[in-house]
Amino acid sequence: MKNILKNINKAFDHRIRLGIMSVLMVNESADFTTLKELLGVTDGNLASHAKALEAEAYIIVEKQFIGRKPNTRYVATQLGKKAFQEHIEALEKLIQNS
């Protein structure tokens, strides 16, 4: 049991971070508005959880202007994809063993 739990990643212990990574695992990228709508969260919640994932180097935040409007886009890094995959596999093993 302890061996399974070592791959449970605290960075993904919140539903918003889990949601951000889930979206980025199946899409090359996602912009702020898309993530906000998909996850049903506030601007502040999304920004703070994205910042936590960025601090772990699990996502890259790209800011640009489209016309005169700011646009923030998120991309999962290879490190983030690997860590998230290991986290999901650990959760699956935990469920199977219970």
PDB file of N, CA and C in Angstrom:
ATOM      1  N   MET A   1       0.833  -1.199   0.000  1.00  0.00           N
ATOM      2  CA  MET A   1       0.000   0.000   0.000  1.00  0.00           C
ATOM      3  C   MET A   1       0.876   1.262   0.000  1.00  0.00           C
ATOM      4  N   LYS A   2       1.900   1.280   0.837  1.00  0.00           N
ATOM      5  CA  LYS A   2       2.770   2.451   0.921  1.00  0.00           C
ATOM      6  C   LYS A   2       3.455   2.719  -0.431  1.00  0.00           C
ATOM      7  N   ASN A   3       3.796   1.665  -1.143  1.00  0.00           N
ATOM      8  CA  ASN A   3       4.434   1.799  -2.449  1.00  0.00           C
ATOM      9  C   ASN A   3       3.506   2.516  -3.442  1.00  0.00           C
ATOM     10  N   ILE A   4       2.217   2.205  -3.377  1.00  0.00           N
ATOM     11  CA  ILE A   4       1.235   2.852  -4.258  1.00  0.00           C
ATOM     12  C   ILE A   4       1.121   4.344  -3.922  1.00  0.00           C
ATOM     13  N   LEU A   5       1.079   4.639  -2.642  1.00  0.00           N
ATOM     14  CA  LEU A   5       0.857   6.017  -2.201  1.00  0.00           C
ATOM     15  C   LEU A   5       2.012   6.960  -2.541  1.00  0.00           C
ATOM     16  N   LYS A   6       3.209   6.423  -2.777  1.00  0.00           N
ATOM     17  CA  LYS A   6       4.342   7.307  -3.076  1.00  0.00           C
ATOM     18  C   LYS A   6       4.153   8.056  -4.399  1.00  0.00           C
ATOM     19  N   ASN A   7       3.327   7.523  -5.302  1.00  0.00           N
ATOM     20  CA  ASN A   7       3.085   8.211  -6.576  1.00  0.00           C
ATOM     21  C   ASN A   7       1.853   9.116  -6.553  1.00  0.00           C
ATOM     22  N   ILE A   8       1.171   9.184  -5.416  1.00  0.00           N
ATOM     23  CA  ILE A   8       0.076  10.144  -5.286  1.00  0.00           C
ATOM     24  C   ILE A   8       0.724  11.522  -5.140  1.00  0.00           C
ATOM     25  N   ASN A   9       0.446  12.411  -6.066  1.00  0.00           N
ATOM     26  CA  ASN A   9       1.116  13.696  -6.141  1.00  0.00           C
ATOM     27  C   ASN A   9       0.259  14.793  -5.512  1.00  0.00           C
ATOM     28  N   LYS A  10       0.783  15.429  -4.475  1.00  0.00           N
ATOM     29  CA  LYS A  10       0.050  16.483  -3.766  1.00  0.00           C
ATOM     30  C   LYS A  10      -0.287  17.677  -4.666  1.00  0.00           C
ATOM     31  N   ALA A  11       0.469  17.859  -5.736  1.00  0.00           N
ATOM     32  CA  ALA A  11       0.192  18.970  -6.651  1.00  0.00           C
ATOM     33  C   ALA A  11      -1.169  18.812  -7.320  1.00  0.00           C
ATOM     34  N   PHE A  12      -1.673  17.577  -7.381  1.00  0.00           N
ATOM     35  CA  PHE A  12      -2.951  17.317  -8.041  1.00  0.00           C
ATOM     36  C   PHE A  12      -4.062  17.014  -7.041  1.00  0.00           C
ATOM     37  N   ASP A  13      -3.884  17.394  -5.782  1.00  0.00           N
ATOM     38  CA  ASP A  13      -4.865  17.028  -4.764  1.00  0.00           C
ATOM     39  C   ASP A  13      -6.099  17.931  -4.729  1.00  0.00           C
ATOM     40  N   HIS A  14      -6.175  18.900  -5.594  1.00  0.00           N
ATOM     41  CA  HIS A  14      -7.353  19.767  -5.656  1.00  0.00           C
ATOM     42  C   HIS A  14      -8.065  19.550  -6.986  1.00  0.00           C
ATOM     43  N   ARG A  15      -9.378  19.566  -6.952  1.00  0.00           N
ATOM     44  CA  ARG A  15     -10.155  19.266  -8.162  1.00  0.00           C
ATOM     45  C   ARG A  15      -9.860  20.225  -9.314  1.00  0.00           C
ATOM     46  N   ILE A  16      -9.537  21.465  -9.016  1.00  0.00           N
ATOM     47  CA  ILE A  16      -9.253  22.420 -10.091  1.00  0.00           C
ATOM     48  C   ILE A  16      -7.936  22.064 -10.787  1.00  0.00           C
ATOM     49  N   ARG A  17      -6.912  21.722 -10.009  1.00  0.00           N
ATOM     50  CA  ARG A  17      -5.631  21.331 -10.617  1.00  0.00           C
ATOM     51  C   ARG A  17      -5.782  20.026 -11.381  1.00  0.00           C
ATOM     52  N   LEU A  18      -6.554  19.123 -10.829  1.00  0.00           N
ATOM     53  CA  LEU A  18      -6.841  17.856 -11.517  1.00  0.00           C
ATOM     54  C   LEU A  18      -7.547  18.149 -12.843  1.00  0.00           C
ATOM     55  N   GLY A  19      -8.486  19.084 -12.815  1.00  0.00           N
ATOM     56  CA  GLY A  19      -9.221  19.466 -14.017  1.00  0.00           C
ATOM     57  C   GLY A  19      -8.348  20.125 -15.065  1.00  0.00           C
ATOM     58  N   ILE A  20      -7.487  21.037 -14.628  1.00  0.00           N
ATOM     59  CA  ILE A  20      -6.583  21.716 -15.563  1.00  0.00           C
ATOM     60  C   ILE A  20      -5.722  20.684 -16.283  1.00  0.00           C
ATOM     61  N   MET A  21      -5.125  19.786 -15.511  1.00  0.00           N
ATOM     62  CA  MET A  21      -4.243  18.784 -16.112  1.00  0.00           C
ATOM     63  C   MET A  21      -5.024  17.821 -16.997  1.00  0.00           C
ATOM     64  N   SER A  22      -6.224  17.456 -16.602  1.00  0.00           N
ATOM     65  CA  SER A  22      -7.041  16.548 -17.421  1.00  0.00           C
ATOM     66  C   SER A  22      -7.318  17.162 -18.786  1.00  0.00           C
ATOM     67  N   VAL A  23      -7.670  18.434 -18.803  1.00  0.00           N
ATOM     68  CA  VAL A  23      -7.935  19.132 -20.068  1.00  0.00           C
ATOM     69  C   VAL A  23      -6.661  19.194 -20.913  1.00  0.00           C
ATOM     70  N   LEU A  24      -5.533  19.498 -20.262  1.00  0.00           N
ATOM     71  CA  LEU A  24      -4.284  19.648 -21.013  1.00  0.00           C
ATOM     72  C   LEU A  24      -3.693  18.317 -21.471  1.00  0.00           C
ATOM     73  N   MET A  25      -4.108  17.226 -20.867  1.00  0.00           N
ATOM     74  CA  MET A  25      -3.621  15.910 -21.309  1.00  0.00           C
ATOM     75  C   MET A  25      -4.242  15.519 -22.649  1.00  0.00           C
ATOM     76  N   VAL A  26      -5.433  16.012 -22.937  1.00  0.00           N
ATOM     77  CA  VAL A  26      -6.130  15.630 -24.176  1.00  0.00           C
ATOM     78  C   VAL A  26      -6.172  16.756 -25.211  1.00  0.00           C
ATOM     79  N   ASN A  27      -5.661  17.918 -24.857  1.00  0.00           N
ATOM     80  CA  ASN A  27      -5.587  19.056 -25.778  1.00  0.00           C
ATOM     81  C   ASN A  27      -4.162  19.592 -25.769  1.00  0.00           C
ATOM     82  N   GLU A  28      -3.710  20.052 -26.903  1.00  0.00           N
ATOM     83  CA  GLU A  28      -2.352  20.607 -26.993  1.00  0.00           C
ATOM     84  C   GLU A  28      -2.196  21.806 -26.059  1.00  0.00           C
ATOM     85  N   SER A  29      -3.274  22.595 -25.963  1.00  0.00           N
ATOM     86  CA  SER A  29      -3.273  23.757 -25.078  1.00  0.00           C
ATOM     87  C   SER A  29      -4.724  24.132 -24.789  1.00  0.00           C
ATOM     88  N   ALA A  30      -4.893  25.036 -23.844  1.00  0.00           N
ATOM     89  CA  ALA A  30      -6.222  25.576 -23.544  1.00  0.00           C
ATOM     90  C   ALA A  30      -6.045  27.000 -23.058  1.00  0.00           C
ATOM     91  N   ASP A  31      -6.957  27.880 -23.456  1.00  0.00           N
ATOM     92  CA  ASP A  31      -6.843  29.252 -22.985  1.00  0.00           C
ATOM     93  C   ASP A  31      -7.620  29.437 -21.683  1.00  0.00           C
ATOM     94  N   PHE A  32      -7.383  30.572 -21.050  1.00  0.00           N
ATOM     95  CA  PHE A  32      -7.941  30.869 -19.736  1.00  0.00           C
ATOM     96  C   PHE A  32      -9.469  30.755 -19.742  1.00  0.00           C
ATOM     97  N   THR A  33     -10.105  31.364 -20.718  1.00  0.00           N
ATOM     98  CA  THR A  33     -11.571  31.377 -20.775  1.00  0.00           C
ATOM     99  C   THR A  33     -12.134  29.971 -20.938  1.00  0.00           C
ATOM    100  N   THR A  34     -11.516  29.180 -21.788  1.00  0.00           N
ATOM    101  CA  THR A  34     -11.974  27.806 -22.000  1.00  0.00           C
ATOM    102  C   THR A  34     -11.877  27.008 -20.708  1.00  0.00           C
ATOM    103  N   LEU A  35     -10.737  27.090 -20.033  1.00  0.00           N
ATOM    104  CA  LEU A  35     -10.569  26.354 -18.773  1.00  0.00           C
ATOM    105  C   LEU A  35     -11.565  26.838 -17.723  1.00  0.00           C
ATOM    106  N   LYS A  36     -11.744  28.138 -17.647  1.00  0.00           N
ATOM    107  CA  LYS A  36     -12.665  28.717 -16.665  1.00  0.00           C
ATOM    108  C   LYS A  36     -14.082  28.177 -16.884  1.00  0.00           C
ATOM    109  N   GLU A  37     -14.524  28.134 -18.133  1.00  0.00           N
ATOM    110  CA  GLU A  37     -15.868  27.643 -18.444  1.00  0.00           C
ATOM    111  C   GLU A  37     -15.990  26.136 -18.229  1.00  0.00           C
ATOM    112  N   LEU A  38     -15.001  25.378 -18.676  1.00  0.00           N
ATOM    113  CA  LEU A  38     -15.042  23.923 -18.518  1.00  0.00           C
ATOM    114  C   LEU A  38     -15.064  23.503 -17.048  1.00  0.00           C
ATOM    115  N   LEU A  39     -14.290  24.202 -16.230  1.00  0.00           N
ATOM    116  CA  LEU A  39     -14.155  23.820 -14.827  1.00  0.00           C
ATOM    117  C   LEU A  39     -15.153  24.522 -13.909  1.00  0.00           C
ATOM    118  N   GLY A  40     -15.817  25.550 -14.423  1.00  0.00           N
ATOM    119  CA  GLY A  40     -16.806  26.276 -13.622  1.00  0.00           C
ATOM    120  C   GLY A  40     -16.195  26.957 -12.408  1.00  0.00           C
ATOM    121  N   VAL A  41     -15.087  27.673 -12.635  1.00  0.00           N
ATOM    122  CA  VAL A  41     -14.384  28.328 -11.535  1.00  0.00           C
ATOM    123  C   VAL A  41     -14.265  29.826 -11.785  1.00  0.00           C
ATOM    124  N   THR A  42     -13.885  30.546 -10.749  1.00  0.00           N
ATOM    125  CA  THR A  42     -13.690  31.991 -10.882  1.00  0.00           C
ATOM    126  C   THR A  42     -12.310  32.280 -11.471  1.00  0.00           C
ATOM    127  N   ASP A  43     -12.131  33.506 -11.914  1.00  0.00           N
ATOM    128  CA  ASP A  43     -10.835  33.936 -12.455  1.00  0.00           C
ATOM    129  C   ASP A  43      -9.724  33.709 -11.426  1.00  0.00           C
ATOM    130  N   GLY A  44      -9.975  34.145 -10.195  1.00  0.00           N
ATOM    131  CA  GLY A  44      -8.965  34.043  -9.136  1.00  0.00           C
ATOM    132  C   GLY A  44      -8.602  32.606  -8.813  1.00  0.00           C
ATOM    133  N   ASN A  45      -9.618  31.732  -8.733  1.00  0.00           N
ATOM    134  CA  ASN A  45      -9.363  30.323  -8.449  1.00  0.00           C
ATOM    135  C   ASN A  45      -8.510  29.695  -9.533  1.00  0.00           C
ATOM    136  N   LEU A  46      -8.889  29.928 -10.783  1.00  0.00           N
ATOM    137  CA  LEU A  46      -8.147  29.343 -11.894  1.00  0.00           C
ATOM    138  C   LEU A  46      -6.712  29.868 -11.906  1.00  0.00           C
ATOM    139  N   ALA A  47      -6.546  31.162 -11.731  1.00  0.00           N
ATOM    140  CA  ALA A  47      -5.210  31.765 -11.760  1.00  0.00           C
ATOM    141  C   ALA A  47      -4.321  31.208 -10.654  1.00  0.00           C
ATOM    142  N   SER A  48      -4.850  31.070  -9.445  1.00  0.00           N
ATOM    143  CA  SER A  48      -4.011  30.592  -8.342  1.00  0.00           C
ATOM    144  C   SER A  48      -3.631  29.121  -8.515  1.00  0.00           C
ATOM    145  N   HIS A  49      -4.548  28.302  -9.010  1.00  0.00           N
ATOM    146  CA  HIS A  49      -4.229  26.887  -9.209  1.00  0.00           C
ATOM    147  C   HIS A  49      -3.289  26.696 -10.404  1.00  0.00           C
ATOM    148  N   ALA A  50      -3.452  27.505 -11.425  1.00  0.00           N
ATOM    149  CA  ALA A  50      -2.530  27.450 -12.560  1.00  0.00           C
ATOM    150  C   ALA A  50      -1.133  27.861 -12.107  1.00  0.00           C
ATOM    151  N   LYS A  51      -1.057  28.868 -11.253  1.00  0.00           N
ATOM    152  CA  LYS A  51       0.233  29.328 -10.735  1.00  0.00           C
ATOM    153  C   LYS A  51       0.926  28.217  -9.941  1.00  0.00           C
ATOM    154  N   ALA A  52       0.150  27.446  -9.167  1.00  0.00           N
ATOM    155  CA  ALA A  52       0.717  26.329  -8.401  1.00  0.00           C
ATOM    156  C   ALA A  52       1.288  25.259  -9.336  1.00  0.00           C
ATOM    157  N   LEU A  53       0.572  24.964 -10.421  1.00  0.00           N
ATOM    158  CA  LEU A  53       1.073  23.979 -11.392  1.00  0.00           C
ATOM    159  C   LEU A  53       2.286  24.517 -12.144  1.00  0.00           C
ATOM    160  N   GLU A  54       2.284  25.806 -12.420  1.00  0.00           N
ATOM    161  CA  GLU A  54       3.422  26.428 -13.090  1.00  0.00           C
ATOM    162  C   GLU A  54       4.652  26.384 -12.181  1.00  0.00           C
ATOM    163  N   ALA A  55       4.472  26.600 -10.891  1.00  0.00           N
ATOM    164  CA  ALA A  55       5.585  26.567  -9.938  1.00  0.00           C
ATOM    165  C   ALA A  55       6.236  25.183  -9.884  1.00  0.00           C
ATOM    166  N   GLU A  56       5.460  24.141 -10.139  1.00  0.00           N
ATOM    167  CA  GLU A  56       5.984  22.771 -10.171  1.00  0.00           C
ATOM    168  C   GLU A  56       6.598  22.423 -11.533  1.00  0.00           C
ATOM    169  N   ALA A  57       6.511  23.351 -12.481  1.00  0.00           N
ATOM    170  CA  ALA A  57       6.963  23.158 -13.872  1.00  0.00           C
ATOM    171  C   ALA A  57       6.122  22.111 -14.588  1.00  0.00           C
ATOM    172  N   TYR A  58       4.846  21.964 -14.189  1.00  0.00           N
ATOM    173  CA  TYR A  58       3.935  21.014 -14.819  1.00  0.00           C
ATOM    174  C   TYR A  58       3.185  21.641 -15.989  1.00  0.00           C
ATOM    175  N   ILE A  59       3.083  22.974 -15.989  1.00  0.00           N
ATOM    176  CA  ILE A  59       2.466  23.671 -17.116  1.00  0.00           C
ATOM    177  C   ILE A  59       3.304  24.896 -17.464  1.00  0.00           C
ATOM    178  N   ILE A  60       3.130  25.350 -18.696  1.00  0.00           N
ATOM    179  CA  ILE A  60       3.738  26.598 -19.164  1.00  0.00           C
ATOM    180  C   ILE A  60       2.589  27.564 -19.417  1.00  0.00           C
ATOM    181  N   VAL A  61       2.755  28.792 -18.967  1.00  0.00           N
ATOM    182  CA  VAL A  61       1.753  29.834 -19.186  1.00  0.00           C
ATOM    183  C   VAL A  61       2.293  30.770 -20.253  1.00  0.00           C
ATOM    184  N   GLU A  62       1.531  30.908 -21.341  1.00  0.00           N
ATOM    185  CA  GLU A  62       1.927  31.790 -22.440  1.00  0.00           C
ATOM    186  C   GLU A  62       0.943  32.946 -22.514  1.00  0.00           C
ATOM    187  N   LYS A  63       1.456  34.151 -22.398  1.00  0.00           N
ATOM    188  CA  LYS A  63       0.603  35.341 -22.469  1.00  0.00           C
ATOM    189  C   LYS A  63       0.911  36.086 -23.764  1.00  0.00           C
ATOM    190  N   GLN A  64      -0.153  36.490 -24.442  1.00  0.00           N
ATOM    191  CA  GLN A  64       0.007  37.221 -25.697  1.00  0.00           C
ATOM    192  C   GLN A  64      -1.210  38.120 -25.893  1.00  0.00           C
ATOM    193  N   PHE A  65      -1.150  38.947 -26.901  1.00  0.00           N
ATOM    194  CA  PHE A  65      -2.299  39.769 -27.263  1.00  0.00           C
ATOM    195  C   PHE A  65      -2.834  39.285 -28.596  1.00  0.00           C
ATOM    196  N   ILE A  66      -4.150  39.133 -28.653  1.00  0.00           N
ATOM    197  CA  ILE A  66      -4.826  38.822 -29.912  1.00  0.00           C
ATOM    198  C   ILE A  66      -5.646  40.068 -30.222  1.00  0.00           C
ATOM    199  N   GLY A  67      -5.206  40.799 -31.232  1.00  0.00           N
ATOM    200  CA  GLY A  67      -5.766  42.130 -31.449  1.00  0.00           C
ATOM    201  C   GLY A  67      -5.326  42.986 -30.275  1.00  0.00           C
ATOM    202  N   ARG A  68      -6.265  43.567 -29.578  1.00  0.00           N
ATOM    203  CA  ARG A  68      -5.931  44.365 -28.394  1.00  0.00           C
ATOM    204  C   ARG A  68      -6.286  43.628 -27.100  1.00  0.00           C
ATOM    205  N   LYS A  69      -6.734  42.392 -27.231  1.00  0.00           N
ATOM    206  CA  LYS A  69      -7.164  41.640 -26.046  1.00  0.00           C
ATOM    207  C   LYS A  69      -6.065  40.707 -25.547  1.00  0.00           C
ATOM    208  N   PRO A  70      -5.829  40.720 -24.233  1.00  0.00           N
ATOM    209  CA  PRO A  70      -4.852  39.771 -23.684  1.00  0.00           C
ATOM    210  C   PRO A  70      -5.397  38.352 -23.765  1.00  0.00           C
ATOM    211  N   ASN A  71      -4.513  37.408 -24.015  1.00  0.00           N
ATOM    212  CA  ASN A  71      -4.901  35.999 -24.087  1.00  0.00           C
ATOM    213  C   ASN A  71      -3.857  35.186 -23.323  1.00  0.00           C
ATOM    214  N   THR A  72      -4.329  34.355 -22.401  1.00  0.00           N
ATOM    215  CA  THR A  72      -3.446  33.490 -21.636  1.00  0.00           C
ATOM    216  C   THR A  72      -3.733  32.056 -22.046  1.00  0.00           C
ATOM    217  N   ARG A  73      -2.671  31.353 -22.400  1.00  0.00           N
ATOM    218  CA  ARG A  73      -2.797  29.984 -22.879  1.00  0.00           C
ATOM    219  C   ARG A  73      -1.927  29.094 -22.005  1.00  0.00           C
ATOM    220  N   TYR A  74      -2.424  27.892 -21.726  1.00  0.00           N
ATOM    221  CA  TYR A  74      -1.716  26.943 -20.879  1.00  0.00           C
ATOM    222  C   TYR A  74      -1.354  25.694 -21.677  1.00  0.00           C
ATOM    223  N   VAL A  75      -0.151  25.178 -21.434  1.00  0.00           N
ATOM    224  CA  VAL A  75       0.339  23.981 -22.103  1.00  0.00           C
ATOM    225  C   VAL A  75       0.980  23.089 -21.041  1.00  0.00           C
ATOM    226  N   ALA A  76       0.658  21.798 -21.060  1.00  0.00           N
ATOM    227  CA  ALA A  76       1.295  20.860 -20.128  1.00  0.00           C
ATOM    228  C   ALA A  76       2.712  20.560 -20.601  1.00  0.00           C
ATOM    229  N   THR A  77       3.653  20.545 -19.673  1.00  0.00           N
ATOM    230  CA  THR A  77       5.035  20.193 -20.002  1.00  0.00           C
ATOM    231  C   THR A  77       5.169  18.661 -20.018  1.00  0.00           C
ATOM    232  N   GLN A  78       6.267  18.168 -20.545  1.00  0.00           N
ATOM    233  CA  GLN A  78       6.518  16.716 -20.519  1.00  0.00           C
ATOM    234  C   GLN A  78       6.589  16.228 -19.072  1.00  0.00           C
ATOM    235  N   LEU A  79       7.232  17.013 -18.210  1.00  0.00           N
ATOM    236  CA  LEU A  79       7.311  16.668 -16.794  1.00  0.00           C
ATOM    237  C   LEU A  79       5.913  16.587 -16.184  1.00  0.00           C
ATOM    238  N   GLY A  80       5.075  17.564 -16.514  1.00  0.00           N
ATOM    239  CA  GLY A  80       3.705  17.586 -16.003  1.00  0.00           C
ATOM    240  C   GLY A  80       2.892  16.405 -16.484  1.00  0.00           C
ATOM    241  N   LYS A  81       3.029  16.070 -17.755  1.00  0.00           N
ATOM    242  CA  LYS A  81       2.297  14.928 -18.313  1.00  0.00           C
ATOM    243  C   LYS A  81       2.716  13.632 -17.635  1.00  0.00           C
ATOM    244  N   LYS A  82       4.017  13.473 -17.432  1.00  0.00           N
ATOM    245  CA  LYS A  82       4.529  12.258 -16.786  1.00  0.00           C
ATOM    246  C   LYS A  82       4.039  12.168 -15.339  1.00  0.00           C
ATOM    247  N   ALA A  83       4.152  13.276 -14.606  1.00  0.00           N
ATOM    248  CA  ALA A  83       3.717  13.300 -13.200  1.00  0.00           C
ATOM    249  C   ALA A  83       2.226  13.028 -13.089  1.00  0.00           C
ATOM    250  N   PHE A  84       1.439  13.602 -13.979  1.00  0.00           N
ATOM    251  CA  PHE A  84      -0.011  13.408 -13.933  1.00  0.00           C
ATOM    252  C   PHE A  84      -0.366  11.958 -14.257  1.00  0.00           C
ATOM    253  N   GLN A  85       0.292  11.393 -15.254  1.00  0.00           N
ATOM    254  CA  GLN A  85       0.051   9.989 -15.625  1.00  0.00           C
ATOM    255  C   GLN A  85       0.375   9.066 -14.451  1.00  0.00           C
ATOM    256  N   GLU A  86       1.492   9.303 -13.780  1.00  0.00           N
ATOM    257  CA  GLU A  86       1.864   8.503 -12.612  1.00  0.00           C
ATOM    258  C   GLU A  86       0.846   8.653 -11.497  1.00  0.00           C
ATOM    259  N   HIS A  87       0.335   9.865 -11.314  1.00  0.00           N
ATOM    260  CA  HIS A  87      -0.682  10.134 -10.297  1.00  0.00           C
ATOM    261  C   HIS A  87      -1.959   9.343 -10.591  1.00  0.00           C
ATOM    262  N   ILE A  88      -2.416   9.387 -11.825  1.00  0.00           N
ATOM    263  CA  ILE A  88      -3.633   8.678 -12.225  1.00  0.00           C
ATOM    264  C   ILE A  88      -3.448   7.167 -12.069  1.00  0.00           C
ATOM    265  N   GLU A  89      -2.291   6.661 -12.475  1.00  0.00           N
ATOM    266  CA  GLU A  89      -2.019   5.225 -12.331  1.00  0.00           C
ATOM    267  C   GLU A  89      -2.004   4.811 -10.864  1.00  0.00           C
ATOM    268  N   ALA A  90      -1.446   5.649 -10.007  1.00  0.00           N
ATOM    269  CA  ALA A  90      -1.429   5.357  -8.564  1.00  0.00           C
ATOM    270  C   ALA A  90      -2.853   5.329  -8.011  1.00  0.00           C
ATOM    271  N   LEU A  91      -3.683   6.288  -8.438  1.00  0.00           N
ATOM    272  CA  LEU A  91      -5.087   6.300  -7.991  1.00  0.00           C
ATOM    273  C   LEU A  91      -5.821   5.035  -8.451  1.00  0.00           C
ATOM    274  N   GLU A  92      -5.570   4.626  -9.691  1.00  0.00           N
ATOM    275  CA  GLU A  92      -6.213   3.413 -10.209  1.00  0.00           C
ATOM    276  C   GLU A  92      -5.800   2.179  -9.407  1.00  0.00           C
ATOM    277  N   LYS A  93      -4.515   2.074  -9.079  1.00  0.00           N
ATOM    278  CA  LYS A  93      -4.032   0.947  -8.271  1.00  0.00           C
ATOM    279  C   LYS A  93      -4.635   0.970  -6.878  1.00  0.00           C
ATOM    280  N   LEU A  94      -4.746   2.166  -6.316  1.00  0.00           N
ATOM    281  CA  LEU A  94      -5.331   2.314  -4.996  1.00  0.00           C
ATOM    282  C   LEU A  94      -6.782   1.836  -4.997  1.00  0.00           C
ATOM    283  N   ILE A  95      -7.521   2.191  -6.035  1.00  0.00           N
ATOM    284  CA  ILE A  95      -8.931   1.774  -6.160  1.00  0.00           C
ATOM    285  C   ILE A  95      -9.023   0.262  -6.343  1.00  0.00           C
ATOM    286  N   GLN A  96      -8.153  -0.295  -7.168  1.00  0.00           N
ATOM    287  CA  GLN A  96      -8.178  -1.741  -7.438  1.00  0.00           C
ATOM    288  C   GLN A  96      -7.840  -2.551  -6.171  1.00  0.00           C
ATOM    289  N   ASN A  97      -6.985  -1.999  -5.325  1.00  0.00           N
ATOM    290  CA  ASN A  97      -6.549  -2.731  -4.133  1.00  0.00           C
ATOM    291  C   ASN A  97      -7.452  -2.523  -2.925  1.00  0.00           C
ATOM    292  N   SER A  98      -8.460  -1.700  -3.061  1.00  0.00           N
ATOM    293  CA  SER A  98      -9.327  -1.470  -1.901  1.00  0.00           C
ATOM    294  C   SER A  98     -10.566  -2.330  -1.946  1.00  0.00           C
TER     295      SER A  98
END
